[in-house]
Amino acid sequence: MVAGADRNRQAWYRLDMENRIEIDPAVMRGKPVVRGTRVTVEQIVRECARGLAPAEVAAQYPRVTPEDVLAALAFAADYLSHETIIAAE
């Protein structure tokens, strides 16, 4: 039962991420941003890396919610999970 709940949660996060994060070549040169803003996923990740909680990051941007911050972090994690690692020779 936990596995099913985990799959449902993953599906919800993916849908939420797709609804909250957009990539538009006309906005911030195509960097992923919180939908309807110019706040990039990169900015959000950097703020969280500095130790800010999602609510604290959201408080810095009037149109960004804590849920947007979580979606940005999920987007970044998903993006990194698909990167290709090339071994050094």
C-alpha atoms as a PDB file:
ATOM      1  CA  MET A   1       0.000   0.000   0.000  1.00  0.00           C
ATOM      2  CA  VAL A   2       2.877   2.381   0.664  1.00  0.00           C
ATOM      3  CA  ALA A   3       4.209   1.806  -2.864  1.00  0.00           C
ATOM      4  CA  GLY A   4       0.849   2.825  -4.349  1.00  0.00           C
ATOM      5  CA  ALA A   5       0.715   5.925  -2.177  1.00  0.00           C
ATOM      6  CA  ASP A   6       4.261   6.779  -3.227  1.00  0.00           C
ATOM      7  CA  ARG A   7       3.323   6.457  -6.929  1.00  0.00           C
ATOM      8  CA  ASN A   8       0.300   8.694  -6.384  1.00  0.00           C
ATOM      9  CA  ARG A   9       2.454  11.281  -4.629  1.00  0.00           C
ATOM     10  CA  GLN A  10       5.012  11.176  -7.469  1.00  0.00           C
ATOM     11  CA  ALA A  11       2.266  11.638 -10.054  1.00  0.00           C
ATOM     12  CA  TRP A  12       0.858  14.588  -8.108  1.00  0.00           C
ATOM     13  CA  TYR A  13       4.307  16.223  -7.831  1.00  0.00           C
ATOM     14  CA  ARG A  14       4.902  15.790 -11.578  1.00  0.00           C
ATOM     15  CA  LEU A  15       1.528  17.323 -12.446  1.00  0.00           C
ATOM     16  CA  ASP A  16       2.030  20.130  -9.939  1.00  0.00           C
ATOM     17  CA  MET A  17       5.520  20.778 -11.294  1.00  0.00           C
ATOM     18  CA  GLU A  18       4.208  20.913 -14.866  1.00  0.00           C
ATOM     19  CA  ASN A  19       1.496  23.382 -13.827  1.00  0.00           C
ATOM     20  CA  ARG A  20       3.878  25.641 -11.904  1.00  0.00           C
ATOM     21  CA  ILE A  21       7.112  25.620 -13.936  1.00  0.00           C
ATOM     22  CA  GLU A  22       7.385  26.758 -17.539  1.00  0.00           C
ATOM     23  CA  ILE A  23      10.061  27.112 -20.169  1.00  0.00           C
ATOM     24  CA  ASP A  24       9.462  29.861 -22.714  1.00  0.00           C
ATOM     25  CA  PRO A  25      12.223  31.135 -25.020  1.00  0.00           C
ATOM     26  CA  ALA A  26      10.755  34.636 -24.664  1.00  0.00           C
ATOM     27  CA  VAL A  27      11.120  34.619 -20.863  1.00  0.00           C
ATOM     28  CA  MET A  28      14.569  34.697 -19.264  1.00  0.00           C
ATOM     29  CA  ARG A  29      16.083  33.255 -22.476  1.00  0.00           C
ATOM     30  CA  GLY A  30      14.251  29.979 -21.995  1.00  0.00           C
ATOM     31  CA  LYS A  31      15.404  29.204 -18.468  1.00  0.00           C
ATOM     32  CA  PRO A  32      12.796  27.345 -16.394  1.00  0.00           C
ATOM     33  CA  VAL A  33      10.769  29.845 -14.361  1.00  0.00           C
ATOM     34  CA  VAL A  34       7.804  29.861 -12.025  1.00  0.00           C
ATOM     35  CA  ARG A  35       4.840  30.205 -14.378  1.00  0.00           C
ATOM     36  CA  GLY A  36       3.768  33.808 -14.877  1.00  0.00           C
ATOM     37  CA  THR A  37       6.942  35.236 -13.337  1.00  0.00           C
ATOM     38  CA  ARG A  38      10.568  35.862 -14.222  1.00  0.00           C
ATOM     39  CA  VAL A  39      11.762  33.984 -11.128  1.00  0.00           C
ATOM     40  CA  THR A  40      14.030  31.185 -12.343  1.00  0.00           C
ATOM     41  CA  VAL A  41      14.334  27.718 -10.882  1.00  0.00           C
ATOM     42  CA  GLU A  42      18.037  28.482 -10.524  1.00  0.00           C
ATOM     43  CA  GLN A  43      17.299  31.501  -8.307  1.00  0.00           C
ATOM     44  CA  ILE A  44      15.068  29.388  -6.096  1.00  0.00           C
ATOM     45  CA  VAL A  45      17.605  26.572  -5.780  1.00  0.00           C
ATOM     46  CA  ARG A  46      20.328  29.068  -4.860  1.00  0.00           C
ATOM     47  CA  GLU A  47      18.124  30.661  -2.173  1.00  0.00           C
ATOM     48  CA  CYS A  48      17.331  27.248  -0.686  1.00  0.00           C
ATOM     49  CA  ALA A  49      21.033  26.359  -0.804  1.00  0.00           C
ATOM     50  CA  ARG A  50      21.677  29.456   1.314  1.00  0.00           C
ATOM     51  CA  GLY A  51      19.448  27.872   3.949  1.00  0.00           C
ATOM     52  CA  LEU A  52      16.125  29.604   3.334  1.00  0.00           C
ATOM     53  CA  ALA A  53      12.907  27.651   3.831  1.00  0.00           C
ATOM     54  CA  PRO A  54      10.364  27.564   0.977  1.00  0.00           C
ATOM     55  CA  ALA A  55       8.151  30.094   2.774  1.00  0.00           C
ATOM     56  CA  GLU A  56      11.123  32.448   3.202  1.00  0.00           C
ATOM     57  CA  VAL A  57      12.009  32.179  -0.480  1.00  0.00           C
ATOM     58  CA  ALA A  58       8.399  32.792  -1.492  1.00  0.00           C
ATOM     59  CA  ALA A  59       8.231  35.847   0.769  1.00  0.00           C
ATOM     60  CA  GLN A  60      10.932  37.484  -1.370  1.00  0.00           C
ATOM     61  CA  TYR A  61       8.809  37.283  -4.519  1.00  0.00           C
ATOM     62  CA  PRO A  62       5.220  38.578  -4.358  1.00  0.00           C
ATOM     63  CA  ARG A  63       3.848  36.173  -7.007  1.00  0.00           C
ATOM     64  CA  VAL A  64       5.640  33.022  -5.796  1.00  0.00           C
ATOM     65  CA  THR A  65       4.100  30.640  -3.261  1.00  0.00           C
ATOM     66  CA  PRO A  66       5.849  28.058  -1.072  1.00  0.00           C
ATOM     67  CA  GLU A  67       4.266  25.416  -3.327  1.00  0.00           C
ATOM     68  CA  ASP A  68       5.958  27.078  -6.334  1.00  0.00           C
ATOM     69  CA  VAL A  69       9.278  26.795  -4.516  1.00  0.00           C
ATOM     70  CA  LEU A  70       8.709  23.084  -3.872  1.00  0.00           C
ATOM     71  CA  ALA A  71       7.763  22.587  -7.528  1.00  0.00           C
ATOM     72  CA  ALA A  72      10.969  24.360  -8.594  1.00  0.00           C
ATOM     73  CA  LEU A  73      13.035  22.095  -6.362  1.00  0.00           C
ATOM     74  CA  ALA A  74      11.244  19.019  -7.740  1.00  0.00           C
ATOM     75  CA  PHE A  75      11.897  20.270 -11.278  1.00  0.00           C
ATOM     76  CA  ALA A  76      15.610  20.728 -10.529  1.00  0.00           C
ATOM     77  CA  ALA A  77      15.859  17.252  -8.988  1.00  0.00           C
ATOM     78  CA  ASP A  78      14.059  15.700 -11.936  1.00  0.00           C
ATOM     79  CA  TYR A  79      16.296  17.563 -14.386  1.00  0.00           C
ATOM     80  CA  LEU A  80      19.445  16.366 -12.621  1.00  0.00           C
ATOM     81  CA  SER A  81      18.215  12.788 -12.503  1.00  0.00           C
ATOM     82  CA  HIS A  82      18.368  12.738 -16.319  1.00  0.00           C
ATOM     83  CA  GLU A  83      21.855  14.166 -16.733  1.00  0.00           C
ATOM     84  CA  THR A  84      24.586  12.133 -18.383  1.00  0.00           C
ATOM     85  CA  ILE A  85      27.764  11.541 -16.423  1.00  0.00           C
ATOM     86  CA  ILE A  86      30.933  11.272 -18.493  1.00  0.00           C
ATOM     87  CA  ALA A  87      33.844   9.530 -16.762  1.00  0.00           C
ATOM     88  CA  ALA A  88      37.190  11.287 -16.798  1.00  0.00           C
ATOM     89  CA  GLU A  89      39.993   9.395 -18.503  1.00  0.00           C
END
